[in-house]
Amino acid sequence: SAALSPDGSRVASASNDRTVRVWDAATGRELCRTDGHAAETTSAAFSSCGTRVVSGSWDTTVRSSPARSCASAPGHFEAFKSVAFSPDETAVVSASGDKTVRIWSPDAGEELRRLVSHSGRV
């Protein structure tokens, strides 16, 4: 997957090579790369201010990557389908093939709430 930063200046891409990369949208130059997932990454999204990227992976973890640190949140039993930051950046929401939607703390990497009632993959 790929996502544009709120100001349109950068692109975040999630890849089956297990990386998340951030690119300069105008020049195509790679600005940074995160190698933290143990399996292919399936989703990436920018925070509302554009300084953080969250990613989800087939390794069943979600990672939040601010400028110099990374919190990892294990918990889903199947791969992530999508991830997104809340507008105030205090939470990350993830949807998974395990039929759940979960809300996480992007800084602590802990699950705040689990939403369960889908009968199929989310």
PDB file of N, CA and C in Angstrom:
ATOM      1  N   SER A   1       0.836  -1.186   0.000  1.00  0.00           N
ATOM      2  CA  SER A   1       0.000   0.000   0.000  1.00  0.00           C
ATOM      3  C   SER A   1       0.874   1.241   0.000  1.00  0.00           C
ATOM      4  N   ALA A   2       0.251   2.344  -0.269  1.00  0.00           N
ATOM      5  CA  ALA A   2       0.974   3.615  -0.273  1.00  0.00           C
ATOM      6  C   ALA A   2       0.048   4.709   0.252  1.00  0.00           C
ATOM      7  N   ALA A   3       0.646   5.733   0.848  1.00  0.00           N
ATOM      8  CA  ALA A   3      -0.123   6.847   1.401  1.00  0.00           C
ATOM      9  C   ALA A   3       0.639   8.143   1.195  1.00  0.00           C
ATOM     10  N   LEU A   4      -0.098   9.209   0.937  1.00  0.00           N
ATOM     11  CA  LEU A   4       0.481  10.550   0.842  1.00  0.00           C
ATOM     12  C   LEU A   4       0.468  11.215   2.205  1.00  0.00           C
ATOM     13  N   SER A   5       1.503  11.985   2.507  1.00  0.00           N
ATOM     14  CA  SER A   5       1.512  12.776   3.736  1.00  0.00           C
ATOM     15  C   SER A   5       0.427  13.846   3.626  1.00  0.00           C
ATOM     16  N   PRO A   6      -0.046  14.381   4.753  1.00  0.00           N
ATOM     17  CA  PRO A   6      -1.106  15.394   4.704  1.00  0.00           C
ATOM     18  C   PRO A   6      -0.799  16.590   3.814  1.00  0.00           C
ATOM     19  N   ASP A   7       0.462  16.987   3.734  1.00  0.00           N
ATOM     20  CA  ASP A   7       0.802  18.134   2.878  1.00  0.00           C
ATOM     21  C   ASP A   7       1.170  17.724   1.450  1.00  0.00           C
ATOM     22  N   GLY A   8       1.137  16.414   1.176  1.00  0.00           N
ATOM     23  CA  GLY A   8       1.414  15.920  -0.166  1.00  0.00           C
ATOM     24  C   GLY A   8       2.874  15.885  -0.560  1.00  0.00           C
ATOM     25  N   SER A   9       3.773  16.184   0.375  1.00  0.00           N
ATOM     26  CA  SER A   9       5.195  16.260   0.018  1.00  0.00           C
ATOM     27  C   SER A   9       5.919  14.915   0.090  1.00  0.00           C
ATOM     28  N   ARG A  10       5.334  13.940   0.776  1.00  0.00           N
ATOM     29  CA  ARG A  10       5.990  12.640   0.945  1.00  0.00           C
ATOM     30  C   ARG A  10       5.015  11.499   0.684  1.00  0.00           C
ATOM     31  N   VAL A  11       5.583  10.357   0.337  1.00  0.00           N
ATOM     32  CA  VAL A  11       4.811   9.137   0.121  1.00  0.00           C
ATOM     33  C   VAL A  11       5.396   8.061   1.030  1.00  0.00           C
ATOM     34  N   ALA A  12       4.533   7.328   1.742  1.00  0.00           N
ATOM     35  CA  ALA A  12       4.959   6.155   2.522  1.00  0.00           C
ATOM     36  C   ALA A  12       4.494   4.926   1.766  1.00  0.00           C
ATOM     37  N   SER A  13       5.380   3.951   1.627  1.00  0.00           N
ATOM     38  CA  SER A  13       5.004   2.720   0.934  1.00  0.00           C
ATOM     39  C   SER A  13       5.320   1.514   1.809  1.00  0.00           C
ATOM     40  N   ALA A  14       4.409   0.550   1.809  1.00  0.00           N
ATOM     41  CA  ALA A  14       4.574  -0.713   2.534  1.00  0.00           C
ATOM     42  C   ALA A  14       4.779  -1.798   1.484  1.00  0.00           C
ATOM     43  N   SER A  15       5.734  -2.690   1.725  1.00  0.00           N
ATOM     44  CA  SER A  15       6.115  -3.636   0.682  1.00  0.00           C
ATOM     45  C   SER A  15       6.245  -5.064   1.201  1.00  0.00           C
ATOM     46  N   ASN A  16       6.172  -6.010   0.261  1.00  0.00           N
ATOM     47  CA  ASN A  16       6.395  -7.403   0.656  1.00  0.00           C
ATOM     48  C   ASN A  16       7.867  -7.698   0.936  1.00  0.00           C
ATOM     49  N   ASP A  17       8.751  -6.716   0.764  1.00  0.00           N
ATOM     50  CA  ASP A  17      10.156  -6.907   1.156  1.00  0.00           C
ATOM     51  C   ASP A  17      10.363  -6.587   2.645  1.00  0.00           C
ATOM     52  N   ARG A  18       9.252  -6.431   3.392  1.00  0.00           N
ATOM     53  CA  ARG A  18       9.252  -6.214   4.848  1.00  0.00           C
ATOM     54  C   ARG A  18       9.656  -4.807   5.259  1.00  0.00           C
ATOM     55  N   THR A  19       9.666  -3.893   4.331  1.00  0.00           N
ATOM     56  CA  THR A  19      10.091  -2.528   4.646  1.00  0.00           C
ATOM     57  C   THR A  19       8.946  -1.544   4.497  1.00  0.00           C
ATOM     58  N   VAL A  20       9.116  -0.423   5.169  1.00  0.00           N
ATOM     59  CA  VAL A  20       8.298   0.763   4.948  1.00  0.00           C
ATOM     60  C   VAL A  20       9.275   1.850   4.540  1.00  0.00           C
ATOM     61  N   ARG A  21       8.985   2.506   3.433  1.00  0.00           N
ATOM     62  CA  ARG A  21       9.872   3.558   2.938  1.00  0.00           C
ATOM     63  C   ARG A  21       9.092   4.854   2.805  1.00  0.00           C
ATOM     64  N   VAL A  22       9.801   5.951   3.063  1.00  0.00           N
ATOM     65  CA  VAL A  22       9.221   7.274   2.883  1.00  0.00           C
ATOM     66  C   VAL A  22      10.007   7.963   1.778  1.00  0.00           C
ATOM     67  N   TRP A  23       9.265   8.527   0.826  1.00  0.00           N
ATOM     68  CA  TRP A  23       9.842   9.113  -0.378  1.00  0.00           C
ATOM     69  C   TRP A  23       9.475  10.584  -0.490  1.00  0.00           C
ATOM     70  N   ASP A  24      10.341  11.361  -1.116  1.00  0.00           N
ATOM     71  CA  ASP A  24      10.015  12.731  -1.487  1.00  0.00           C
ATOM     72  C   ASP A  24       9.126  12.652  -2.728  1.00  0.00           C
ATOM     73  N   ALA A  25       7.903  13.165  -2.635  1.00  0.00           N
ATOM     74  CA  ALA A  25       6.947  13.049  -3.739  1.00  0.00           C
ATOM     75  C   ALA A  25       7.382  13.834  -4.972  1.00  0.00           C
ATOM     76  N   ALA A  26       8.105  14.912  -4.780  1.00  0.00           N
ATOM     77  CA  ALA A  26       8.513  15.743  -5.921  1.00  0.00           C
ATOM     78  C   ALA A  26       9.700  15.166  -6.675  1.00  0.00           C
ATOM     79  N   THR A  27      10.678  14.601  -5.942  1.00  0.00           N
ATOM     80  CA  THR A  27      11.908  14.136  -6.578  1.00  0.00           C
ATOM     81  C   THR A  27      11.992  12.623  -6.728  1.00  0.00           C
ATOM     82  N   GLY A  28      11.189  11.874  -5.942  1.00  0.00           N
ATOM     83  CA  GLY A  28      11.284  10.416  -5.958  1.00  0.00           C
ATOM     84  C   GLY A  28      12.423   9.873  -5.126  1.00  0.00           C
ATOM     85  N   ARG A  29      13.112  10.755  -4.420  1.00  0.00           N
ATOM     86  CA  ARG A  29      14.245  10.326  -3.587  1.00  0.00           C
ATOM     87  C   ARG A  29      13.737   9.660  -2.313  1.00  0.00           C
ATOM     88  N   GLU A  30      14.361   8.523  -1.957  1.00  0.00           N
ATOM     89  CA  GLU A  30      14.024   7.836  -0.706  1.00  0.00           C
ATOM     90  C   GLU A  30      14.568   8.634   0.474  1.00  0.00           C
ATOM     91  N   LEU A  31      13.699   8.982   1.415  1.00  0.00           N
ATOM     92  CA  LEU A  31      14.097   9.780   2.574  1.00  0.00           C
ATOM     93  C   LEU A  31      14.455   8.913   3.777  1.00  0.00           C
ATOM     94  N   CYS A  32      13.724   7.835   3.989  1.00  0.00           N
ATOM     95  CA  CYS A  32      14.047   6.916   5.082  1.00  0.00           C
ATOM     96  C   CYS A  32      13.414   5.568   4.822  1.00  0.00           C
ATOM     97  N   ARG A  33      13.909   4.583   5.572  1.00  0.00           N
ATOM     98  CA  ARG A  33      13.475   3.194   5.421  1.00  0.00           C
ATOM     99  C   ARG A  33      13.404   2.569   6.799  1.00  0.00           C
ATOM    100  N   THR A  34      12.361   1.800   7.053  1.00  0.00           N
ATOM    101  CA  THR A  34      12.211   1.083   8.310  1.00  0.00           C
ATOM    102  C   THR A  34      12.198  -0.408   8.023  1.00  0.00           C
ATOM    103  N   ASP A  35      13.112  -1.135   8.656  1.00  0.00           N
ATOM    104  CA  ASP A  35      13.192  -2.592   8.536  1.00  0.00           C
ATOM    105  C   ASP A  35      12.840  -3.198   9.887  1.00  0.00           C
ATOM    106  N   GLY A  36      11.600  -3.319  10.250  1.00  0.00           N
ATOM    107  CA  GLY A  36      11.280  -3.859  11.562  1.00  0.00           C
ATOM    108  C   GLY A  36      10.357  -5.049  11.532  1.00  0.00           C
ATOM    109  N   HIS A  37       9.629  -5.211  10.446  1.00  0.00           N
ATOM    110  CA  HIS A  37       8.661  -6.300  10.383  1.00  0.00           C
ATOM    111  C   HIS A  37       9.337  -7.611   9.997  1.00  0.00           C
ATOM    112  N   ALA A  38       8.782  -8.711  10.496  1.00  0.00           N
ATOM    113  CA  ALA A  38       9.316 -10.042  10.208  1.00  0.00           C
ATOM    114  C   ALA A  38       8.665 -10.679   8.991  1.00  0.00           C
ATOM    115  N   ALA A  39       7.672 -10.014   8.427  1.00  0.00           N
ATOM    116  CA  ALA A  39       6.987 -10.505   7.228  1.00  0.00           C
ATOM    117  C   ALA A  39       6.577  -9.290   6.399  1.00  0.00           C
ATOM    118  N   GLU A  40       5.984  -9.547   5.231  1.00  0.00           N
ATOM    119  CA  GLU A  40       5.652  -8.425   4.352  1.00  0.00           C
ATOM    120  C   GLU A  40       4.720  -7.433   5.026  1.00  0.00           C
ATOM    121  N   THR A  41       4.936  -6.158   4.723  1.00  0.00           N
ATOM    122  CA  THR A  41       4.078  -5.105   5.251  1.00  0.00           C
ATOM    123  C   THR A  41       2.909  -4.923   4.298  1.00  0.00           C
ATOM    124  N   THR A  42       1.723  -4.711   4.874  1.00  0.00           N
ATOM    125  CA  THR A  42       0.516  -4.656   4.065  1.00  0.00           C
ATOM    126  C   THR A  42      -0.137  -3.284   4.041  1.00  0.00           C
ATOM    127  N   SER A  43       0.240  -2.415   4.977  1.00  0.00           N
ATOM    128  CA  SER A  43      -0.423  -1.123   5.057  1.00  0.00           C
ATOM    129  C   SER A  43       0.502  -0.100   5.700  1.00  0.00           C
ATOM    130  N   ALA A  44       0.399   1.140   5.243  1.00  0.00           N
ATOM    131  CA  ALA A  44       1.143   2.250   5.833  1.00  0.00           C
ATOM    132  C   ALA A  44       0.275   3.499   5.784  1.00  0.00           C
ATOM    133  N   ALA A  45       0.394   4.340   6.821  1.00  0.00           N
ATOM    134  CA  ALA A  45      -0.378   5.578   6.873  1.00  0.00           C
ATOM    135  C   ALA A  45       0.403   6.637   7.636  1.00  0.00           C
ATOM    136  N   PHE A  46       0.235   7.894   7.235  1.00  0.00           N
ATOM    137  CA  PHE A  46       0.842   9.020   7.939  1.00  0.00           C
ATOM    138  C   PHE A  46      -0.057   9.487   9.071  1.00  0.00           C
ATOM    139  N   SER A  47       0.559  10.076  10.088  1.00  0.00           N
ATOM    140  CA  SER A  47      -0.199  10.771  11.123  1.00  0.00           C
ATOM    141  C   SER A  47      -0.723  12.076  10.532  1.00  0.00           C
ATOM    142  N   SER A  48      -1.632  12.722  11.265  1.00  0.00           N
ATOM    143  CA  SER A  48      -2.261  13.938  10.728  1.00  0.00           C
ATOM    144  C   SER A  48      -1.277  15.085  10.538  1.00  0.00           C
ATOM    145  N   CYS A  49      -0.206  15.135  11.341  1.00  0.00           N
ATOM    146  CA  CYS A  49       0.784  16.196  11.142  1.00  0.00           C
ATOM    147  C   CYS A  49       1.891  15.757  10.179  1.00  0.00           C
ATOM    148  N   GLY A  50       1.900  14.478   9.797  1.00  0.00           N
ATOM    149  CA  GLY A  50       2.846  13.994   8.810  1.00  0.00           C
ATOM    150  C   GLY A  50       4.218  13.638   9.330  1.00  0.00           C
ATOM    151  N   THR A  51       4.421  13.643  10.650  1.00  0.00           N
ATOM    152  CA  THR A  51       5.741  13.347  11.200  1.00  0.00           C
ATOM    153  C   THR A  51       5.916  11.894  11.621  1.00  0.00           C
ATOM    154  N   ARG A  52       4.837  11.114  11.589  1.00  0.00           N
ATOM    155  CA  ARG A  52       4.902   9.714  12.005  1.00  0.00           C
ATOM    156  C   ARG A  52       4.251   8.846  10.942  1.00  0.00           C
ATOM    157  N   VAL A  53       4.710   7.601  10.877  1.00  0.00           N
ATOM    158  CA  VAL A  53       4.135   6.613   9.968  1.00  0.00           C
ATOM    159  C   VAL A  53       3.792   5.377  10.783  1.00  0.00           C
ATOM    160  N   VAL A  54       2.627   4.811  10.533  1.00  0.00           N
ATOM    161  CA  VAL A  54       2.237   3.555  11.160  1.00  0.00           C
ATOM    162  C   VAL A  54       2.155   2.510  10.052  1.00  0.00           C
ATOM    163  N   SER A  55       2.555   1.265  10.398  1.00  0.00           N
ATOM    164  CA  SER A  55       2.513   0.194   9.397  1.00  0.00           C
ATOM    165  C   SER A  55       1.980  -1.086  10.031  1.00  0.00           C
ATOM    166  N   GLY A  56       1.376  -1.918   9.198  1.00  0.00           N
ATOM    167  CA  GLY A  56       0.878  -3.224   9.612  1.00  0.00           C
ATOM    168  C   GLY A  56       1.473  -4.283   8.716  1.00  0.00           C
ATOM    169  N   SER A  57       1.541  -5.520   9.237  1.00  0.00           N
ATOM    170  CA  SER A  57       2.274  -6.556   8.531  1.00  0.00           C
ATOM    171  C   SER A  57       1.614  -7.927   8.661  1.00  0.00           C
ATOM    172  N   TRP A  58       2.013  -8.837   7.775  1.00  0.00           N
ATOM    173  CA  TRP A  58       1.611 -10.236   7.874  1.00  0.00           C
ATOM    174  C   TRP A  58       2.187 -10.873   9.137  1.00  0.00           C
ATOM    175  N   ASP A  59       3.181 -10.247   9.776  1.00  0.00           N
ATOM    176  CA  ASP A  59       3.730 -10.810  11.018  1.00  0.00           C
ATOM    177  C   ASP A  59       2.817 -10.533  12.214  1.00  0.00           C
ATOM    178  N   THR A  60       1.653  -9.968  11.978  1.00  0.00           N
ATOM    179  CA  THR A  60       0.608  -9.655  12.963  1.00  0.00           C
ATOM    180  C   THR A  60       0.998  -8.558  13.936  1.00  0.00           C
ATOM    181  N   THR A  61       1.913  -7.682  13.537  1.00  0.00           N
ATOM    182  CA  THR A  61       2.271  -6.542  14.387  1.00  0.00           C
ATOM    183  C   THR A  61       1.950  -5.235  13.678  1.00  0.00           C
ATOM    184  N   VAL A  62       1.748  -4.223  14.493  1.00  0.00           N
ATOM    185  CA  VAL A  62       1.623  -2.860  13.990  1.00  0.00           C
ATOM    186  C   VAL A  62       2.801  -2.085  14.558  1.00  0.00           C
ATOM    187  N   ARG A  63       3.407  -1.233  13.738  1.00  0.00           N
ATOM    188  CA  ARG A  63       4.557  -0.449  14.184  1.00  0.00           C
ATOM    189  C   ARG A  63       4.294   1.019  13.929  1.00  0.00           C
ATOM    190  N   SER A  64       4.636   1.829  14.923  1.00  0.00           N
ATOM    191  CA  SER A  64       4.548   3.275  14.805  1.00  0.00           C
ATOM    192  C   SER A  64       5.963   3.808  14.791  1.00  0.00           C
ATOM    193  N   SER A  65       6.299   4.586  13.773  1.00  0.00           N
ATOM    194  CA  SER A  65       7.670   5.058  13.605  1.00  0.00           C
ATOM    195  C   SER A  65       7.755   6.573  13.633  1.00  0.00           C
ATOM    196  N   PRO A  66       7.969   7.151  14.822  1.00  0.00           N
ATOM    197  CA  PRO A  66       8.287   8.576  14.839  1.00  0.00           C
ATOM    198  C   PRO A  66       9.725   8.782  14.361  1.00  0.00           C
ATOM    199  N   ALA A  67      10.198   9.966  14.430  1.00  0.00           N
ATOM    200  CA  ALA A  67      11.505  10.303  13.869  1.00  0.00           C
ATOM    201  C   ALA A  67      12.638   9.373  14.298  1.00  0.00           C
ATOM    202  N   ARG A  68      12.715   9.007  15.575  1.00  0.00           N
ATOM    203  CA  ARG A  68      13.876   8.244  16.018  1.00  0.00           C
ATOM    204  C   ARG A  68      13.567   6.998  16.845  1.00  0.00           C
ATOM    205  N   SER A  69      12.319   6.613  16.964  1.00  0.00           N
ATOM    206  CA  SER A  69      12.015   5.419  17.745  1.00  0.00           C
ATOM    207  C   SER A  69      10.873   4.659  17.102  1.00  0.00           C
ATOM    208  N   CYS A  70      10.597   3.482  17.630  1.00  0.00           N
ATOM    209  CA  CYS A  70       9.567   2.657  17.052  1.00  0.00           C
ATOM    210  C   CYS A  70       8.913   1.826  18.135  1.00  0.00           C
ATOM    211  N   ALA A  71       7.604   1.859  18.231  1.00  0.00           N
ATOM    212  CA  ALA A  71       6.853   1.005  19.145  1.00  0.00           C
ATOM    213  C   ALA A  71       6.212  -0.098  18.327  1.00  0.00           C
ATOM    214  N   SER A  72       6.246  -1.306  18.835  1.00  0.00           N
ATOM    215  CA  SER A  72       5.642  -2.440  18.151  1.00  0.00           C
ATOM    216  C   SER A  72       4.512  -2.986  18.997  1.00  0.00           C
ATOM    217  N   ALA A  73       3.403  -3.338  18.363  1.00  0.00           N
ATOM    218  CA  ALA A  73       2.248  -3.849  19.094  1.00  0.00           C
ATOM    219  C   ALA A  73       1.804  -5.171  18.487  1.00  0.00           C
ATOM    220  N   PRO A  74       2.162  -6.290  19.108  1.00  0.00           N
ATOM    221  CA  PRO A  74       1.659  -7.577  18.632  1.00  0.00           C
ATOM    222  C   PRO A  74       0.234  -7.761  19.126  1.00  0.00           C
ATOM    223  N   GLY A  75      -0.516  -8.646  18.534  1.00  0.00           N
ATOM    224  CA  GLY A  75      -1.835  -8.879  19.066  1.00  0.00           C
ATOM    225  C   GLY A  75      -2.830  -9.522  18.125  1.00  0.00           C
ATOM    226  N   HIS A  76      -2.837  -9.144  16.849  1.00  0.00           N
ATOM    227  CA  HIS A  76      -3.758  -9.790  15.928  1.00  0.00           C
ATOM    228  C   HIS A  76      -3.278 -11.217  15.667  1.00  0.00           C
ATOM    229  N   PHE A  77      -4.206 -12.068  15.264  1.00  0.00           N
ATOM    230  CA  PHE A  77      -3.862 -13.465  14.996  1.00  0.00           C
ATOM    231  C   PHE A  77      -3.696 -13.749  13.515  1.00  0.00           C
ATOM    232  N   GLU A  78      -4.055 -12.783  12.686  1.00  0.00           N
ATOM    233  CA  GLU A  78      -3.841 -12.874  11.246  1.00  0.00           C
ATOM    234  C   GLU A  78      -3.297 -11.535  10.766  1.00  0.00           C
ATOM    235  N   ALA A  79      -2.956 -11.483   9.514  1.00  0.00           N
ATOM    236  CA  ALA A  79      -2.314 -10.293   8.951  1.00  0.00           C
ATOM    237  C   ALA A  79      -3.202  -9.060   9.017  1.00  0.00           C
ATOM    238  N   PHE A  80      -2.545  -7.912   9.086  1.00  0.00           N
ATOM    239  CA  PHE A  80      -3.229  -6.629   9.048  1.00  0.00           C
ATOM    240  C   PHE A  80      -3.699  -6.336   7.642  1.00  0.00           C
ATOM    241  N   LYS A  81      -4.861  -5.736   7.543  1.00  0.00           N
ATOM    242  CA  LYS A  81      -5.376  -5.288   6.255  1.00  0.00           C
ATOM    243  C   LYS A  81      -5.196  -3.790   6.097  1.00  0.00           C
ATOM    244  N   SER A  82      -5.347  -3.042   7.207  1.00  0.00           N
ATOM    245  CA  SER A  82      -5.154  -1.600   7.123  1.00  0.00           C
ATOM    246  C   SER A  82      -4.860  -1.030   8.504  1.00  0.00           C
ATOM    247  N   VAL A  83      -4.204   0.123   8.515  1.00  0.00           N
ATOM    248  CA  VAL A  83      -3.877   0.843   9.741  1.00  0.00           C
ATOM    249  C   VAL A  83      -4.073   2.333   9.495  1.00  0.00           C
ATOM    250  N   ALA A  84      -4.363   3.087  10.578  1.00  0.00           N
ATOM    251  CA  ALA A  84      -4.525   4.531  10.446  1.00  0.00           C
ATOM    252  C   ALA A  84      -4.332   5.195  11.803  1.00  0.00           C
ATOM    253  N   PHE A  85      -3.835   6.427  11.801  1.00  0.00           N
ATOM    254  CA  PHE A  85      -3.720   7.238  13.011  1.00  0.00           C
ATOM    255  C   PHE A  85      -5.037   7.954  13.281  1.00  0.00           C
ATOM    256  N   SER A  86      -5.327   8.214  14.562  1.00  0.00           N
ATOM    257  CA  SER A  86      -6.424   9.117  14.910  1.00  0.00           C
ATOM    258  C   SER A  86      -5.968  10.538  14.579  1.00  0.00           C
ATOM    259  N   PRO A  87      -6.900  11.468  14.379  1.00  0.00           N
ATOM    260  CA  PRO A  87      -6.512  12.843  14.038  1.00  0.00           C
ATOM    261  C   PRO A  87      -5.612  13.504  15.086  1.00  0.00           C
ATOM    262  N   ASP A  88      -5.773  13.159  16.367  1.00  0.00           N
ATOM    263  CA  ASP A  88      -4.938  13.762  17.408  1.00  0.00           C
ATOM    264  C   ASP A  88      -3.675  12.954  17.696  1.00  0.00           C
ATOM    265  N   GLU A  89      -3.449  11.883  16.939  1.00  0.00           N
ATOM    266  CA  GLU A  89      -2.253  11.031  17.028  1.00  0.00           C
ATOM    267  C   GLU A  89      -2.098  10.295  18.346  1.00  0.00           C
ATOM    268  N   THR A  90      -3.146  10.171  19.147  1.00  0.00           N
ATOM    269  CA  THR A  90      -3.065   9.447  20.423  1.00  0.00           C
ATOM    270  C   THR A  90      -3.435   7.987  20.276  1.00  0.00           C
ATOM    271  N   ALA A  91      -3.901   7.589  19.101  1.00  0.00           N
ATOM    272  CA  ALA A  91      -4.305   6.207  18.890  1.00  0.00           C
ATOM    273  C   ALA A  91      -4.064   5.792  17.446  1.00  0.00           C
ATOM    274  N   VAL A  92      -3.910   4.488  17.275  1.00  0.00           N
ATOM    275  CA  VAL A  92      -3.810   3.869  15.963  1.00  0.00           C
ATOM    276  C   VAL A  92      -4.902   2.814  15.904  1.00  0.00           C
ATOM    277  N   VAL A  93      -5.589   2.724  14.782  1.00  0.00           N
ATOM    278  CA  VAL A  93      -6.609   1.691  14.597  1.00  0.00           C
ATOM    279  C   VAL A  93      -6.092   0.710  13.549  1.00  0.00           C
ATOM    280  N   SER A  94      -6.357  -0.586  13.773  1.00  0.00           N
ATOM    281  CA  SER A  94      -5.932  -1.606  12.821  1.00  0.00           C
ATOM    282  C   SER A  94      -7.075  -2.569  12.555  1.00  0.00           C
ATOM    283  N   ALA A  95      -7.136  -3.076  11.330  1.00  0.00           N
ATOM    284  CA  ALA A  95      -8.129  -4.070  10.926  1.00  0.00           C
ATOM    285  C   ALA A  95      -7.370  -5.295  10.438  1.00  0.00           C
ATOM    286  N   SER A  96      -7.902  -6.476  10.764  1.00  0.00           N
ATOM    287  CA  SER A  96      -7.157  -7.693  10.486  1.00  0.00           C
ATOM    288  C   SER A  96      -8.054  -8.797   9.939  1.00  0.00           C
ATOM    289  N   GLY A  97      -7.398  -9.781   9.369  1.00  0.00           N
ATOM    290  CA  GLY A  97      -8.089 -10.979   8.917  1.00  0.00           C
ATOM    291  C   GLY A  97      -8.623 -11.814  10.062  1.00  0.00           C
ATOM    292  N   ASP A  98      -8.259 -11.492  11.291  1.00  0.00           N
ATOM    293  CA  ASP A  98      -8.771 -12.252  12.443  1.00  0.00           C
ATOM    294  C   ASP A  98     -10.150 -11.778  12.895  1.00  0.00           C
ATOM    295  N   LYS A  99     -10.820 -10.966  12.060  1.00  0.00           N
ATOM    296  CA  LYS A  99     -12.186 -10.492  12.283  1.00  0.00           C
ATOM    297  C   LYS A  99     -12.307  -9.431  13.370  1.00  0.00           C
ATOM    298  N   THR A 100     -11.183  -8.780  13.718  1.00  0.00           N
ATOM    299  CA  THR A 100     -11.215  -7.756  14.752  1.00  0.00           C
ATOM    300  C   THR A 100     -10.694  -6.426  14.238  1.00  0.00           C
ATOM    301  N   VAL A 101     -11.125  -5.378  14.926  1.00  0.00           N
ATOM    302  CA  VAL A 101     -10.568  -4.039  14.784  1.00  0.00           C
ATOM    303  C   VAL A 101      -9.997  -3.708  16.152  1.00  0.00           C
ATOM    304  N   ARG A 102      -8.784  -3.200  16.194  1.00  0.00           N
ATOM    305  CA  ARG A 102      -8.149  -2.899  17.476  1.00  0.00           C
ATOM    306  C   ARG A 102      -7.644  -1.467  17.496  1.00  0.00           C
ATOM    307  N   ILE A 103      -7.670  -0.892  18.685  1.00  0.00           N
ATOM    308  CA  ILE A 103      -7.173   0.470  18.896  1.00  0.00           C
ATOM    309  C   ILE A 103      -5.954   0.359  19.799  1.00  0.00           C
ATOM    310  N   TRP A 104      -4.864   1.006  19.402  1.00  0.00           N
ATOM    311  CA  TRP A 104      -3.559   0.881  20.063  1.00  0.00           C
ATOM    312  C   TRP A 104      -3.034   2.240  20.513  1.00  0.00           C
ATOM    313  N   SER A 105      -2.137   2.207  21.481  1.00  0.00           N
ATOM    314  CA  SER A 105      -1.334   3.379  21.824  1.00  0.00           C
ATOM    315  C   SER A 105      -0.108   3.355  20.916  1.00  0.00           C
ATOM    316  N   PRO A 106       0.099   4.375  20.087  1.00  0.00           N
ATOM    317  CA  PRO A 106       1.260   4.348  19.192  1.00  0.00           C
ATOM    318  C   PRO A 106       2.585   4.513  19.922  1.00  0.00           C
ATOM    319  N   ASP A 107       2.581   5.085  21.104  1.00  0.00           N
ATOM    320  CA  ASP A 107       3.828   5.285  21.846  1.00  0.00           C
ATOM    321  C   ASP A 107       4.183   4.074  22.696  1.00  0.00           C
ATOM    322  N   ALA A 108       3.206   3.512  23.407  1.00  0.00           N
ATOM    323  CA  ALA A 108       3.466   2.385  24.301  1.00  0.00           C
ATOM    324  C   ALA A 108       3.355   1.045  23.601  1.00  0.00           C
ATOM    325  N   GLY A 109       2.664   1.000  22.459  1.00  0.00           N
ATOM    326  CA  GLY A 109       2.495  -0.264  21.762  1.00  0.00           C
ATOM    327  C   GLY A 109       1.505  -1.194  22.438  1.00  0.00           C
ATOM    328  N   GLU A 110       0.622  -0.652  23.275  1.00  0.00           N
ATOM    329  CA  GLU A 110      -0.337  -1.514  23.963  1.00  0.00           C
ATOM    330  C   GLU A 110      -1.740  -1.349  23.389  1.00  0.00           C
ATOM    331  N   GLU A 111      -2.495  -2.434  23.434  1.00  0.00           N
ATOM    332  CA  GLU A 111      -3.859  -2.423  22.947  1.00  0.00           C
ATOM    333  C   GLU A 111      -4.748  -1.673  23.928  1.00  0.00           C
ATOM    334  N   LEU A 112      -5.527  -0.729  23.409  1.00  0.00           N
ATOM    335  CA  LEU A 112      -6.441   0.047  24.239  1.00  0.00           C
ATOM    336  C   LEU A 112      -7.858  -0.510  24.198  1.00  0.00           C
ATOM    337  N   ARG A 113      -8.254  -1.041  23.033  1.00  0.00           N
ATOM    338  CA  ARG A 113      -9.612  -1.557  22.896  1.00  0.00           C
ATOM    339  C   ARG A 113      -9.659  -2.538  21.736  1.00  0.00           C
ATOM    340  N   ARG A 114     -10.506  -3.549  21.873  1.00  0.00           N
ATOM    341  CA  ARG A 114     -10.707  -4.542  20.815  1.00  0.00           C
ATOM    342  C   ARG A 114     -12.182  -4.548  20.427  1.00  0.00           C
ATOM    343  N   LEU A 115     -12.459  -4.428  19.146  1.00  0.00           N
ATOM    344  CA  LEU A 115     -13.827  -4.440  18.631  1.00  0.00           C
ATOM    345  C   LEU A 115     -14.054  -5.759  17.918  1.00  0.00           C
ATOM    346  N   VAL A 116     -14.970  -6.572  18.439  1.00  0.00           N
ATOM    347  CA  VAL A 116     -15.185  -7.915  17.911  1.00  0.00           C
ATOM    348  C   VAL A 116     -16.664  -8.103  17.617  1.00  0.00           C
ATOM    349  N   SER A 117     -17.008  -8.351  16.385  1.00  0.00           N
ATOM    350  CA  SER A 117     -18.368  -8.799  16.044  1.00  0.00           C
ATOM    351  C   SER A 117     -18.512  -9.104  14.564  1.00  0.00           C
ATOM    352  N   HIS A 118     -17.461  -8.893  13.785  1.00  0.00           N
ATOM    353  CA  HIS A 118     -17.526  -9.259  12.369  1.00  0.00           C
ATOM    354  C   HIS A 118     -17.514 -10.779  12.230  1.00  0.00           C
ATOM    355  N   SER A 119     -18.237 -11.282  11.260  1.00  0.00           N
ATOM    356  CA  SER A 119     -18.232 -12.720  11.016  1.00  0.00           C
ATOM    357  C   SER A 119     -17.228 -13.097   9.931  1.00  0.00           C
ATOM    358  N   GLY A 120     -16.625 -12.079   9.327  1.00  0.00           N
ATOM    359  CA  GLY A 120     -15.614 -12.313   8.294  1.00  0.00           C
ATOM    360  C   GLY A 120     -14.417 -11.415   8.491  1.00  0.00           C
ATOM    361  N   ARG A 121     -13.440 -11.575   7.622  1.00  0.00           N
ATOM    362  CA  ARG A 121     -12.217 -10.759   7.709  1.00  0.00           C
ATOM    363  C   ARG A 121     -12.544  -9.283   7.580  1.00  0.00           C
ATOM    364  N   VAL A 122     -11.804  -8.460   8.307  1.00  0.00           N
ATOM    365  CA  VAL A 122     -12.015  -7.019   8.254  1.00  0.00           C
ATOM    366  C   VAL A 122     -10.974  -6.404   7.339  1.00  0.00           C
TER     367      VAL A 122
END
